[in-house]
Protein backbone atom coordinates (compact mmCIF):
# COMPACT_ATOMS: atom_id res chain seq x y z
CA MET A 1 -10.35 -9.78 -31.10
CA ASN A 2 -7.00 -8.27 -32.00
CA TRP A 3 -6.06 -4.68 -31.16
CA LYS A 4 -7.19 -3.32 -34.52
CA GLU A 5 -10.65 -4.84 -34.12
CA ASN A 6 -10.92 -3.51 -30.56
CA TYR A 7 -9.84 -0.07 -31.70
CA LYS A 8 -12.39 -0.05 -34.53
CA LEU A 9 -15.15 -1.14 -32.11
CA TRP A 10 -14.43 1.86 -29.90
CA GLN A 11 -14.08 4.15 -32.90
CA ASN A 12 -17.54 3.17 -34.13
CA LYS A 13 -19.27 3.52 -30.76
CA PRO A 14 -21.72 6.40 -31.28
CA ASP A 15 -22.24 7.39 -27.63
CA LEU A 16 -18.60 7.37 -26.52
CA PRO A 17 -18.11 10.19 -23.96
CA ALA A 18 -16.42 13.29 -25.37
CA ASP A 19 -13.27 12.94 -23.25
CA LEU A 20 -12.71 9.35 -24.38
CA LYS A 21 -13.47 10.27 -27.99
CA GLU A 22 -10.84 13.01 -27.79
CA ASP A 23 -8.32 10.61 -26.27
CA LEU A 24 -9.06 8.08 -29.00
CA ASN A 25 -8.42 10.70 -31.66
CA ASN A 26 -5.10 11.57 -30.00
CA LEU A 27 -3.77 8.04 -30.54
CA LYS A 28 -1.83 8.93 -33.69
CA THR A 29 0.50 5.95 -34.10
CA ASP A 30 -0.18 2.25 -34.43
CA ALA A 31 2.09 1.65 -31.45
CA ALA A 32 -0.03 3.92 -29.25
CA LYS A 33 -3.26 2.33 -30.46
CA GLU A 34 -1.90 -1.18 -29.96
CA ASP A 35 -0.80 -0.44 -26.40
CA ALA A 36 -4.28 0.84 -25.52
CA PHE A 37 -6.17 -2.04 -27.15
CA TYR A 38 -4.00 -5.16 -27.34
CA THR A 39 -5.02 -6.65 -23.99
CA PRO A 40 -7.52 -5.97 -21.19
CA LEU A 41 -6.24 -4.04 -18.19
CA SER A 42 -4.76 -6.59 -15.82
CA PHE A 43 -6.96 -7.45 -12.83
CA GLY A 44 -5.12 -9.18 -10.00
CA THR A 45 -5.75 -9.86 -6.33
CA ALA A 46 -5.12 -6.17 -5.57
CA GLY A 47 -7.50 -4.99 -8.32
CA MET A 48 -6.36 -3.00 -11.32
CA ARG A 49 -4.32 0.11 -11.98
CA GLY A 50 -3.53 1.87 -15.22
CA VAL A 51 -3.23 4.99 -17.32
CA LEU A 52 -6.42 6.99 -17.80
CA GLY A 53 -7.81 7.05 -21.32
CA ALA A 54 -9.66 5.22 -24.08
CA GLY A 55 -9.02 1.51 -24.54
CA ILE A 56 -9.43 -1.86 -22.91
CA ASN A 57 -5.94 -1.47 -21.38
CA ARG A 58 -6.83 1.87 -19.79
CA MET A 59 -8.77 3.16 -16.80
CA ASN A 60 -12.12 4.59 -17.92
CA ILE A 61 -15.82 4.26 -17.09
CA TYR A 62 -16.09 1.09 -19.18
CA THR A 63 -13.27 -0.80 -17.48
CA VAL A 64 -14.65 0.35 -14.11
CA ARG A 65 -18.14 -0.84 -15.03
CA GLN A 66 -16.75 -4.16 -16.25
CA ALA A 67 -14.80 -4.71 -13.01
CA THR A 68 -17.86 -3.87 -10.93
CA GLU A 69 -19.96 -6.22 -13.05
CA GLY A 70 -17.52 -8.98 -12.10
CA LEU A 71 -18.04 -8.27 -8.40
CA ALA A 72 -21.83 -8.03 -8.87
CA ARG A 73 -21.97 -11.39 -10.66
CA LEU A 74 -20.00 -12.98 -7.81
CA MET A 75 -22.55 -11.62 -5.33
CA ASP A 76 -25.43 -12.75 -7.57
CA SER A 77 -24.02 -16.29 -7.60
CA PHE A 78 -24.72 -16.76 -3.88
CA ASN A 79 -28.49 -16.48 -4.48
CA ASP A 80 -28.71 -14.76 -1.11
CA GLU A 81 -30.62 -11.48 -0.88
CA SER A 82 -29.04 -10.72 2.50
CA ILE A 83 -25.63 -10.46 0.85
CA LYS A 84 -27.04 -7.95 -1.63
CA GLN A 85 -28.62 -5.98 1.19
CA ARG A 86 -25.34 -5.94 3.10
CA GLY A 87 -24.00 -4.31 -0.02
CA VAL A 88 -20.71 -2.69 -0.96
CA VAL A 89 -19.12 0.49 0.41
CA ILE A 90 -17.25 2.70 -2.08
CA SER A 91 -14.63 5.39 -1.52
CA TYR A 92 -12.26 7.33 -3.74
CA ASP A 93 -9.25 9.65 -3.66
CA SER A 94 -8.34 12.95 -5.34
CA ARG A 95 -7.31 11.58 -8.74
CA HIS A 96 -8.97 12.57 -11.98
CA TYR A 97 -12.32 10.80 -12.55
CA SER A 98 -12.21 9.15 -9.10
CA GLN A 99 -15.62 10.42 -8.03
CA ILE A 100 -17.15 9.55 -11.42
CA PHE A 101 -15.73 6.02 -11.24
CA ALA A 102 -17.10 5.60 -7.71
CA GLN A 103 -20.57 6.67 -8.81
CA GLU A 104 -20.46 4.43 -11.89
CA ALA A 105 -19.55 1.46 -9.67
CA GLY A 106 -22.52 2.23 -7.44
CA LYS A 107 -24.89 2.39 -10.42
CA VAL A 108 -23.68 -0.97 -11.76
CA LEU A 109 -24.20 -2.59 -8.36
CA GLY A 110 -27.64 -1.03 -8.13
CA ALA A 111 -28.62 -2.55 -11.47
CA HIS A 112 -28.12 -5.93 -9.80
CA GLY A 113 -30.17 -4.93 -6.75
CA ILE A 114 -27.02 -4.59 -4.63
CA LYS A 115 -26.94 -1.76 -2.12
CA ALA A 116 -24.07 0.71 -2.47
CA TYR A 117 -22.79 2.96 0.31
CA VAL A 118 -20.87 5.76 -1.41
CA PHE A 119 -18.84 8.36 0.47
CA ASP A 120 -20.02 11.95 0.00
CA ALA A 121 -16.46 13.07 -0.77
CA LEU A 122 -12.98 11.62 -1.03
CA ARG A 123 -11.77 9.50 1.90
CA PRO A 124 -8.60 7.52 2.69
CA THR A 125 -8.19 3.85 1.86
CA PRO A 126 -7.89 2.87 5.55
CA GLU A 127 -11.26 4.48 6.28
CA LEU A 128 -12.76 2.44 3.43
CA SER A 129 -11.32 -0.72 5.01
CA PHE A 130 -12.79 0.34 8.36
CA ALA A 131 -16.17 1.14 6.78
CA VAL A 132 -16.47 -2.39 5.34
CA ARG A 133 -16.17 -3.80 8.85
CA HIS A 134 -18.23 -1.08 10.54
CA LEU A 135 -21.17 -1.38 8.13
CA GLY A 136 -20.87 -5.15 7.75
CA THR A 137 -20.86 -4.95 3.96
CA TYR A 138 -19.90 -7.89 1.80
CA ALA A 139 -17.21 -5.91 -0.01
CA GLY A 140 -15.60 -2.53 -0.51
CA ILE A 141 -14.31 -0.66 -3.55
CA MET A 142 -11.54 1.94 -3.41
CA ILE A 143 -10.88 4.11 -6.45
CA THR A 144 -7.19 5.00 -6.27
CA ALA A 145 -3.84 4.54 -7.97
CA SER A 146 -2.01 5.00 -4.67
CA HIS A 147 1.29 6.83 -5.26
CA ASN A 148 1.40 6.51 -9.07
CA PRO A 149 1.80 9.52 -11.41
CA LYS A 150 -1.13 11.84 -12.10
CA ASN A 151 -2.17 10.14 -15.36
CA TYR A 152 -3.05 6.91 -13.48
CA ASN A 153 -6.07 5.72 -11.58
CA GLY A 154 -7.05 2.34 -10.16
CA TYR A 155 -9.67 0.11 -8.58
CA LYS A 156 -9.25 -2.10 -5.52
CA ILE A 157 -11.77 -4.57 -4.10
CA TYR A 158 -11.92 -5.40 -0.39
CA GLY A 159 -13.46 -8.45 1.24
CA GLU A 160 -15.85 -8.56 4.18
CA ASP A 161 -13.00 -8.62 6.73
CA GLY A 162 -11.77 -5.24 5.47
CA GLY A 163 -8.70 -6.75 3.81
CA GLN A 164 -8.16 -6.92 0.08
CA MET A 165 -10.37 -9.52 -1.57
CA PRO A 166 -9.06 -13.09 -1.01
CA PRO A 167 -7.64 -14.95 -4.05
CA LYS A 168 -10.54 -17.43 -4.31
CA GLU A 169 -13.17 -14.71 -4.73
CA SER A 170 -10.79 -12.48 -6.70
CA ASP A 171 -10.23 -15.27 -9.25
CA ILE A 172 -13.98 -15.64 -9.73
CA ILE A 173 -14.33 -11.88 -10.22
CA THR A 174 -11.53 -11.91 -12.79
CA LYS A 175 -13.26 -14.71 -14.71
CA GLU A 176 -16.56 -12.84 -14.70
CA ILE A 177 -14.85 -9.63 -15.82
CA ARG A 178 -13.41 -11.37 -18.86
CA GLN A 179 -16.84 -12.69 -19.80
CA ALA A 180 -18.61 -9.34 -19.45
CA ASP A 181 -19.04 -7.07 -22.47
CA MET A 182 -17.90 -3.69 -21.13
CA PHE A 183 -20.29 -1.84 -23.43
CA ALA A 184 -23.27 -3.95 -22.34
CA VAL A 185 -22.88 -3.71 -18.56
CA PRO A 186 -26.25 -2.62 -17.06
CA VAL A 187 -26.11 0.80 -15.35
CA ALA A 188 -29.06 2.03 -13.30
CA GLU A 189 -30.19 5.64 -12.93
CA MET A 190 -28.98 7.36 -9.76
CA ALA A 191 -32.39 8.83 -8.85
CA SER A 192 -34.18 5.49 -9.04
CA LEU A 193 -31.49 3.80 -6.96
CA GLN A 194 -31.68 6.45 -4.26
CA GLN A 195 -35.48 6.17 -4.21
CA ALA A 196 -35.20 2.39 -3.83
CA GLY A 197 -32.64 2.71 -1.03
CA LEU A 198 -29.92 1.04 -3.11
CA TYR A 199 -27.59 4.06 -3.21
CA GLN A 200 -26.82 5.56 0.20
CA VAL A 201 -24.40 8.39 0.85
CA VAL A 202 -22.15 8.10 3.91
CA GLY A 203 -19.99 10.80 5.44
CA ASP A 204 -19.30 12.41 8.79
CA GLU A 205 -20.80 9.61 10.89
CA MET A 206 -18.22 7.21 9.43
CA ASP A 207 -15.42 9.70 10.01
CA GLN A 208 -16.33 9.98 13.68
CA ALA A 209 -16.54 6.20 14.14
CA TYR A 210 -13.15 5.75 12.49
CA LEU A 211 -11.54 8.59 14.46
CA LYS A 212 -12.86 7.14 17.71
CA ASN A 213 -10.96 3.94 16.93
CA VAL A 214 -7.82 5.88 15.95
CA GLN A 215 -7.75 7.24 19.52
CA THR A 216 -6.86 3.73 20.71
CA VAL A 217 -3.55 3.89 18.82
CA SER A 218 -1.96 6.17 21.45
CA ILE A 219 -0.14 4.26 24.18
CA ASN A 220 1.14 6.89 26.65
CA ARG A 221 -1.36 9.72 26.95
CA GLU A 222 0.59 11.33 29.79
CA LEU A 223 3.63 11.60 27.51
CA ILE A 224 1.53 13.32 24.85
CA ASP A 225 -0.08 15.68 27.35
CA THR A 226 3.26 16.76 28.83
CA VAL A 227 5.56 16.74 25.76
CA GLY A 228 3.58 16.02 22.61
CA ARG A 229 1.04 18.79 23.14
CA ASP A 230 3.47 21.57 22.20
CA MET A 231 5.85 19.55 20.02
CA LYS A 232 6.04 21.02 16.51
CA LEU A 233 4.96 18.73 13.69
CA VAL A 234 4.59 19.40 9.96
CA TYR A 235 2.09 17.36 7.93
CA SER A 236 1.37 17.08 4.20
CA PRO A 237 -1.37 15.06 2.46
CA LEU A 238 0.38 15.63 -0.91
CA HIS A 239 -2.85 16.91 -2.47
CA GLY A 240 -4.75 13.79 -1.40
CA THR A 241 -7.24 12.52 1.17
CA GLY A 242 -5.17 12.77 4.35
CA ALA A 243 -5.76 16.32 5.59
CA ALA A 244 -9.41 16.08 6.58
CA ILE A 245 -8.86 12.95 8.69
CA ALA A 246 -5.27 13.24 9.94
CA GLY A 247 -5.84 16.75 11.33
CA PRO A 248 -8.65 15.68 13.68
CA ALA A 249 -6.80 12.43 14.49
CA LEU A 250 -3.73 14.33 15.72
CA GLU A 251 -5.91 16.84 17.56
CA ASN A 252 -7.83 14.05 19.30
CA ALA A 253 -4.58 12.37 20.30
CA GLY A 254 -3.41 15.58 21.97
CA PHE A 255 -0.97 17.01 19.41
CA LYS A 256 -1.93 20.68 19.21
CA ASN A 257 1.02 22.20 17.36
CA VAL A 258 0.53 20.73 13.88
CA THR A 259 1.20 22.81 10.77
CA MET A 260 -0.13 21.71 7.39
CA VAL A 261 1.85 22.42 4.22
CA SER A 262 -0.67 24.90 2.85
CA GLU A 263 0.39 24.48 -0.80
CA GLN A 264 -0.29 20.72 -0.59
CA LYS A 265 -3.34 20.72 1.66
CA GLU A 266 -6.12 20.90 -0.93
CA PRO A 267 -6.98 17.81 -3.03
CA ASN A 268 -5.70 18.12 -6.60
CA GLY A 269 -5.38 15.29 -9.10
CA ASP A 270 -2.59 17.11 -10.93
CA PHE A 271 -0.37 16.98 -7.80
CA PRO A 272 1.11 20.31 -8.93
CA THR A 273 3.88 20.67 -6.33
CA VAL A 274 5.46 17.22 -6.74
CA LYS A 275 6.74 15.00 -9.54
CA LEU A 276 5.31 11.94 -7.78
CA PRO A 277 2.83 12.00 -4.86
CA ASN A 278 4.93 9.37 -3.10
CA PRO A 279 6.21 9.78 0.49
CA GLU A 280 9.10 7.45 -0.39
CA ASP A 281 10.43 10.18 -2.68
CA PRO A 282 12.57 12.83 -0.88
CA GLU A 283 11.37 15.48 -3.33
CA ALA A 284 7.78 14.93 -2.21
CA LEU A 285 8.74 16.05 1.32
CA ALA A 286 10.85 19.03 0.21
CA MET A 287 8.17 21.66 0.91
CA GLY A 288 7.39 20.09 4.27
CA ILE A 289 11.08 20.10 5.19
CA ASP A 290 11.42 23.76 4.22
CA LEU A 291 8.47 24.58 6.48
CA ALA A 292 9.94 22.48 9.29
CA LYS A 293 13.26 24.34 9.04
CA ALA A 294 11.44 27.64 9.26
CA ASN A 295 9.54 26.75 12.43
CA GLY A 296 11.94 24.26 14.04
CA ALA A 297 9.62 21.26 13.83
CA ASP A 298 10.74 17.93 15.26
CA VAL A 299 9.25 15.79 12.52
CA VAL A 300 7.77 16.04 9.02
CA ILE A 301 5.09 13.56 7.96
CA ALA A 302 3.67 13.10 4.45
CA VAL A 303 1.21 10.56 3.05
CA ASP A 304 0.23 9.46 -0.45
CA PRO A 305 -3.07 10.48 -2.13
CA ASP A 306 -5.18 7.67 -0.67
CA ALA A 307 -3.43 8.01 2.70
CA ASP A 308 -2.39 4.42 3.19
CA ARG A 309 1.41 5.03 3.03
CA MET A 310 3.30 7.32 5.40
CA GLY A 311 6.81 8.78 5.12
CA THR A 312 8.70 10.92 7.60
CA ALA A 313 11.70 13.20 7.74
CA VAL A 314 13.34 13.85 11.13
CA ARG A 315 15.66 16.54 12.38
CA GLN A 316 19.35 15.77 12.81
CA PRO A 317 21.69 17.45 15.33
CA SER A 318 22.90 19.71 12.50
CA GLY A 319 19.40 21.08 12.03
CA GLU A 320 19.04 19.39 8.67
CA TYR A 321 16.33 16.79 8.06
CA VAL A 322 16.75 13.23 6.82
CA LEU A 323 14.08 11.00 5.31
CA LEU A 324 13.82 7.69 7.15
CA THR A 325 13.39 4.54 5.10
CA GLY A 326 10.27 2.43 5.42
CA ASN A 327 12.31 -0.20 7.23
CA GLN A 328 13.73 2.32 9.71
CA ILE A 329 10.25 3.67 10.42
CA GLY A 330 9.00 0.12 11.02
CA ALA A 331 11.93 -0.58 13.36
CA ILE A 332 11.60 2.56 15.48
CA MET A 333 7.82 2.14 15.73
CA MET A 334 8.20 -1.49 16.78
CA HIS A 335 10.81 -0.54 19.40
CA TYR A 336 8.58 2.18 20.83
CA ILE A 337 5.49 -0.04 20.98
CA LEU A 338 7.40 -2.76 22.82
CA THR A 339 9.19 -0.31 25.15
CA ALA A 340 5.96 1.50 26.05
CA LYS A 341 3.96 -1.68 26.55
CA GLN A 342 6.71 -3.23 28.63
CA ALA A 343 6.81 -0.11 30.79
CA ASP A 344 3.06 -0.16 31.50
CA HIS A 345 2.98 -3.98 31.82
CA SER A 346 0.63 -4.42 28.84
CA LEU A 347 3.00 -6.41 26.61
CA PRO A 348 1.26 -9.74 25.89
CA ALA A 349 3.20 -12.99 26.23
CA ASN A 350 2.06 -14.10 22.77
CA GLY A 351 2.63 -10.81 20.95
CA VAL A 352 3.65 -10.93 17.31
CA LEU A 353 5.13 -8.70 14.61
CA VAL A 354 3.97 -9.43 11.05
CA LYS A 355 6.04 -8.17 8.13
CA SER A 356 6.59 -8.91 4.46
CA ILE A 357 9.39 -11.17 3.21
CA VAL A 358 11.08 -8.22 1.46
CA SER A 359 11.20 -6.06 4.58
CA SER A 360 14.27 -5.63 6.78
CA GLU A 361 15.21 -7.95 9.63
CA PHE A 362 15.88 -4.81 11.72
CA ALA A 363 12.44 -4.77 13.36
CA ALA A 364 12.51 -8.56 13.72
CA ASP A 365 15.76 -8.43 15.70
CA ILE A 366 14.26 -5.76 17.94
CA ALA A 367 11.13 -7.87 18.47
CA GLN A 368 13.23 -10.91 19.32
CA SER A 369 15.09 -8.97 22.03
CA PHE A 370 11.72 -8.40 23.72
CA GLY A 371 10.73 -12.06 23.34
CA VAL A 372 8.26 -11.24 20.56
CA GLN A 373 7.96 -13.52 17.54
CA THR A 374 8.06 -12.29 13.93
CA ILE A 375 5.91 -13.83 11.20
CA ASN A 376 6.95 -13.24 7.59
CA VAL A 377 4.31 -13.12 4.86
CA LEU A 378 4.22 -12.48 1.11
CA THR A 379 4.24 -8.92 -0.16
CA GLY A 380 0.78 -7.40 -0.04
CA PHE A 381 -1.00 -6.17 3.06
CA LYS A 382 -3.80 -8.65 2.55
CA TYR A 383 -1.43 -11.32 3.81
CA ILE A 384 -0.92 -9.38 7.03
CA ALA A 385 -4.72 -9.05 7.27
CA GLU A 386 -5.04 -12.83 6.84
CA GLN A 387 -2.71 -13.40 9.81
CA ILE A 388 -4.74 -11.02 11.98
CA LYS A 389 -7.93 -12.90 11.08
CA GLU A 390 -6.28 -16.21 11.92
CA TYR A 391 -5.11 -14.94 15.32
CA GLU A 392 -8.62 -13.75 16.12
CA MET A 393 -9.89 -17.28 15.54
CA THR A 394 -7.06 -19.30 17.10
CA HIS A 395 -5.78 -16.84 19.75
CA ALA A 396 -2.31 -18.18 18.94
CA HIS A 397 -0.88 -14.65 18.90
CA THR A 398 -1.77 -11.09 19.78
CA PHE A 399 -1.12 -8.75 16.88
CA LEU A 400 1.14 -5.86 17.89
CA PHE A 401 2.29 -4.33 14.61
CA GLY A 402 2.46 -5.03 10.90
CA PHE A 403 4.49 -3.34 8.21
CA GLU A 404 5.95 -3.44 4.71
CA GLU A 405 9.15 -1.72 3.62
CA SER A 406 7.13 0.32 1.10
CA TYR A 407 5.95 2.70 3.85
CA GLY A 408 2.89 0.72 4.94
CA TYR A 409 2.08 0.25 8.66
CA LEU A 410 -0.77 -1.01 10.80
CA VAL A 411 -0.95 -0.61 14.58
CA LYS A 412 -4.51 -1.57 15.48
CA PRO A 413 -6.53 -4.07 13.43
CA PHE A 414 -9.79 -2.11 13.23
CA THR A 415 -8.59 -1.55 9.66
CA ARG A 416 -7.12 -4.38 7.62
CA ASP A 417 -4.89 -2.47 5.25
CA LYS A 418 -1.93 -0.18 5.75
CA ASP A 419 -3.10 2.92 7.57
CA SER A 420 -1.20 6.20 7.41
CA ILE A 421 -3.59 7.88 9.85
CA GLN A 422 -2.70 5.38 12.56
CA ALA A 423 0.96 5.58 11.56
CA THR A 424 0.92 9.39 11.75
CA VAL A 425 -0.47 9.38 15.28
CA LEU A 426 2.05 6.76 16.42
CA MET A 427 5.01 8.50 14.76
CA ALA A 428 4.05 11.71 16.53
CA GLU A 429 4.08 9.82 19.83
CA VAL A 430 7.47 8.29 18.98
CA ALA A 431 8.82 11.81 18.37
CA ALA A 432 7.37 12.97 21.69
CA TYR A 433 9.03 10.04 23.45
CA TYR A 434 12.49 10.94 22.19
CA LYS A 435 11.87 14.63 22.84
CA SER A 436 11.08 13.73 26.47
CA LEU A 437 14.58 12.21 26.63
CA GLY A 438 16.17 15.31 25.11
CA LYS A 439 16.68 13.51 21.81
CA THR A 440 15.23 13.33 18.28
CA VAL A 441 13.86 10.38 16.32
CA TYR A 442 17.12 10.46 14.37
CA ASP A 443 19.02 9.92 17.63
CA GLY A 444 16.71 7.03 18.39
CA VAL A 445 17.45 5.30 15.08
CA GLN A 446 21.20 5.68 15.66
CA GLU A 447 20.87 4.14 19.12
CA LEU A 448 19.05 1.16 17.64
CA PHE A 449 21.80 0.75 15.06
CA GLU A 450 24.43 0.77 17.80
CA LYS A 451 22.53 -1.86 19.75
CA TYR A 452 21.29 -4.17 16.99
CA GLY A 453 23.75 -3.57 14.14
CA TYR A 454 23.72 -1.29 11.12
CA PHE A 455 21.07 -2.34 8.63
CA ALA A 456 21.03 -1.03 5.07
CA GLU A 457 18.38 -1.83 2.50
CA ASP A 458 17.47 -0.63 -0.94
CA THR A 459 14.95 -1.44 -3.65
CA GLN A 460 15.65 -1.06 -7.35
CA SER A 461 12.60 -0.93 -9.56
CA LEU A 462 12.76 -1.41 -13.33
CA THR A 463 9.76 -0.44 -15.45
CA PHE A 464 9.02 -2.14 -18.78
CA ASP A 465 5.97 -0.59 -20.40
CA GLY A 466 4.07 -1.77 -23.43
CA ILE A 467 3.54 -5.09 -25.11
CA ASP A 468 7.09 -6.34 -24.73
CA GLY A 469 7.35 -5.33 -21.08
CA LYS A 470 5.71 -8.42 -19.61
CA GLU A 471 7.91 -10.70 -21.69
CA ARG A 472 11.06 -8.85 -20.64
CA ILE A 473 10.12 -9.17 -16.96
CA GLU A 474 9.41 -12.89 -17.35
CA LYS A 475 12.79 -13.41 -19.02
CA LEU A 476 14.61 -11.55 -16.26
CA ILE A 477 13.16 -13.59 -13.41
CA ALA A 478 13.66 -16.81 -15.42
CA ASN A 479 17.33 -15.92 -15.78
CA PHE A 480 17.71 -15.44 -12.03
CA ARG A 481 16.02 -18.81 -11.44
CA GLU A 482 17.67 -20.91 -14.13
CA ASN A 483 21.14 -19.33 -14.06
CA MET A 484 21.22 -18.86 -10.32
CA PRO A 485 24.02 -16.61 -9.04
CA VAL A 486 26.49 -18.40 -6.78
CA ALA A 487 27.42 -15.13 -5.06
CA PHE A 488 26.33 -11.50 -4.78
CA GLY A 489 28.98 -8.90 -4.06
CA GLY A 490 31.46 -11.61 -3.17
CA LEU A 491 29.09 -13.14 -0.59
CA THR A 492 28.21 -16.78 -1.26
CA VAL A 493 24.57 -17.77 -1.80
CA GLU A 494 23.74 -20.32 0.90
CA SER A 495 20.05 -20.86 0.20
CA LEU A 496 17.33 -19.96 -2.27
CA GLU A 497 13.67 -19.60 -1.38
CA ASP A 498 11.62 -20.05 -4.54
CA PHE A 499 8.10 -19.00 -3.65
CA ALA A 500 6.71 -19.98 -7.05
CA GLN A 501 7.94 -23.54 -6.50
CA SER A 502 7.24 -23.45 -2.72
CA THR A 503 10.72 -24.81 -2.05
CA GLU A 504 13.84 -23.76 -0.16
CA LEU A 505 17.13 -25.08 -1.56
CA ASN A 506 20.07 -25.25 0.85
CA LEU A 507 23.18 -24.85 -1.31
CA LEU A 508 25.45 -26.20 1.44
CA THR A 509 23.62 -29.49 1.99
CA HIS A 510 21.71 -29.58 -1.34
CA GLN A 511 18.60 -30.34 0.68
CA ILE A 512 15.22 -29.12 -0.62
CA THR A 513 12.61 -28.20 1.98
CA PRO A 514 8.92 -27.47 1.24
CA MET A 515 7.67 -23.97 2.10
CA THR A 516 4.28 -23.26 3.62
CA LEU A 517 3.56 -19.77 2.29
CA PRO A 518 1.24 -19.37 -0.72
CA LYS A 519 2.85 -19.52 -4.14
CA ALA A 520 4.12 -16.25 -5.62
CA GLU A 521 6.63 -15.29 -8.30
CA VAL A 522 9.39 -14.33 -5.86
CA LEU A 523 12.98 -15.50 -5.47
CA LYS A 524 14.88 -14.78 -2.24
CA TYR A 525 18.58 -15.54 -1.88
CA TRP A 526 20.19 -15.76 1.57
CA LEU A 527 23.90 -14.99 1.63
CA SER A 528 26.73 -16.21 3.85
CA ASP A 529 26.71 -13.19 6.20
CA GLY A 530 22.92 -13.00 6.62
CA SER A 531 22.43 -10.48 3.82
CA TRP A 532 19.65 -11.25 1.34
CA VAL A 533 18.42 -10.46 -2.16
CA ALA A 534 14.84 -10.77 -3.42
CA VAL A 535 13.57 -10.60 -7.00
CA ARG A 536 9.86 -9.89 -7.49
CA PRO A 537 7.67 -8.68 -10.35
CA SER A 538 5.07 -6.12 -9.27
CA GLY A 539 1.50 -7.36 -9.11
CA THR A 540 -0.06 -4.06 -10.21
CA GLU A 541 2.52 -2.31 -12.40
CA PRO A 542 4.82 -3.28 -15.32
CA LYS A 543 7.81 -3.44 -12.98
CA ILE A 544 10.31 -5.92 -11.61
CA LYS A 545 11.82 -5.11 -8.23
CA PHE A 546 15.15 -6.08 -6.70
CA TYR A 547 15.32 -5.87 -2.91
CA VAL A 548 18.59 -6.03 -0.97
CA GLY A 549 19.10 -6.20 2.78
CA THR A 550 22.48 -6.09 4.55
CA LYS A 551 23.81 -5.74 8.08
CA GLY A 552 27.24 -4.50 9.15
CA ALA A 553 29.26 -3.57 12.21
CA THR A 554 29.25 0.02 10.93
CA ALA A 555 27.06 2.05 8.61
CA VAL A 556 29.89 2.25 6.08
CA GLN A 557 30.34 -1.53 6.06
CA ALA A 558 26.61 -2.13 5.55
CA ARG A 559 26.45 0.35 2.67
CA GLU A 560 29.56 -1.11 1.03
CA LYS A 561 27.99 -4.57 1.11
CA LEU A 562 24.81 -3.13 -0.36
CA ALA A 563 26.65 -1.48 -3.25
CA ALA A 564 28.63 -4.65 -4.04
CA ILE A 565 25.48 -6.78 -4.10
CA GLN A 566 23.70 -4.30 -6.34
CA ALA A 567 26.63 -4.39 -8.77
CA THR A 568 26.14 -8.15 -9.16
CA ILE A 569 22.42 -7.67 -9.77
CA GLN A 570 23.21 -5.13 -12.47
CA GLU A 571 25.44 -7.66 -14.23
CA TYR A 572 22.49 -10.03 -14.49
CA ILE A 573 20.18 -7.28 -15.74
CA ASP A 574 22.64 -6.16 -18.40
């Protein structure tokens, strides 16, 4: 059906909930109606994410039911009652309609005889990943739109290893979703499901099991007991799920002097104190920094609403605070883990760092200096989770740390997605380490720059909403592929890794080498001085991202290279 037919179908639905009916009536222009009804909400390997409202291209109870129907049909196809009994665990964050969507998902699963474990209140994404493994469920569902604006929500499916659902199963789910009539999805009554044991509420017992595992993240308990105990730390959950879990996690680790940003402590889907609930955004940490200045805290930590991403601001010698980049956080964490493990003789000979292809080489250079290998994977934490699973089977490596430049970190693999609770505990220990040396985390980053070189990275993200957005993004990446730049910022392109073609082209020898990573729409250019540029459309949002990484003998030189490269990118965009 075209958008007009879809719109009319919704308009004529007699039992449409009042909120969706109101939203439908507020679509005054054809352009607004077309955007809401021209295509189904995209469902990829990371699930779906979109604006709340009426329409097939919106997040609402019908798109949630349809997505859950796709998962249920996949589980039905195995003809194995034990899989249904293992069930699905469901969590949700503080966004509008999150709890309703979680309950609707549970009722759709129950209509298929599939057991649902639903959290009694909002919980972080990493705890959902842990719960899948702890309960032994077949899958997990997380209702969240991560760090997106307040008018968004989303839906992510996790596989039985606790990582995001693998592509093979995800493709089947997508196919089933497209075949399911969203208005005809069977939905069971809550009372009957609870009576039949198909809808079970989980809560504190899961928190305690998860927190017990988080205690294993700490490396040097003596350091925490002597320095970390009284070290001042400011924490903000940015109106999301983090407070209830991170507070006890820090307490259990031995950090007793933690102050929450009171204005941002309570869950609130409007995120009233920030423009974006994103710890990458300096403005999101502004209230935390003000509080830190008032009480002289060593470090400020903030996490996004579903508490999978963690950002930090650290005190400089001037008394001002600076927000570290995701790459700098990954580097200083990696350095501390390796230093601490080397000191207590627990550093394994086959240790490995796993990072995404668009993350800095900073942490990789640090790892190499300790004799630790780095494995690069595609963007998406599920690829890091896949490596962990492989190492468990082959014992080829011991996982030490995984990260993405977009503020996602994993220390211990009892969860299989980025985990801000783990990252918060480790960052606090890193701060205690430098405090024990009479320094700050900022000093530590500067020391690493002096030793390994000055790294500078930046990500530009362009958003193209609406019907024409997808086409514009496709044209942009096609231009970068077909009219390949010979230089960026005056630095010659020496090789191109085309992940969609699974080939690496050496521009010096004209040799083409096959690549072993899975196919993805990503281009990565390596330049003559080791700098790099990556072009990648987002998998969950109408965005195309341009990543740049440089290294210089000084901070000024690295930043100058970065600016020159970005100017070349802008020429191609314009």
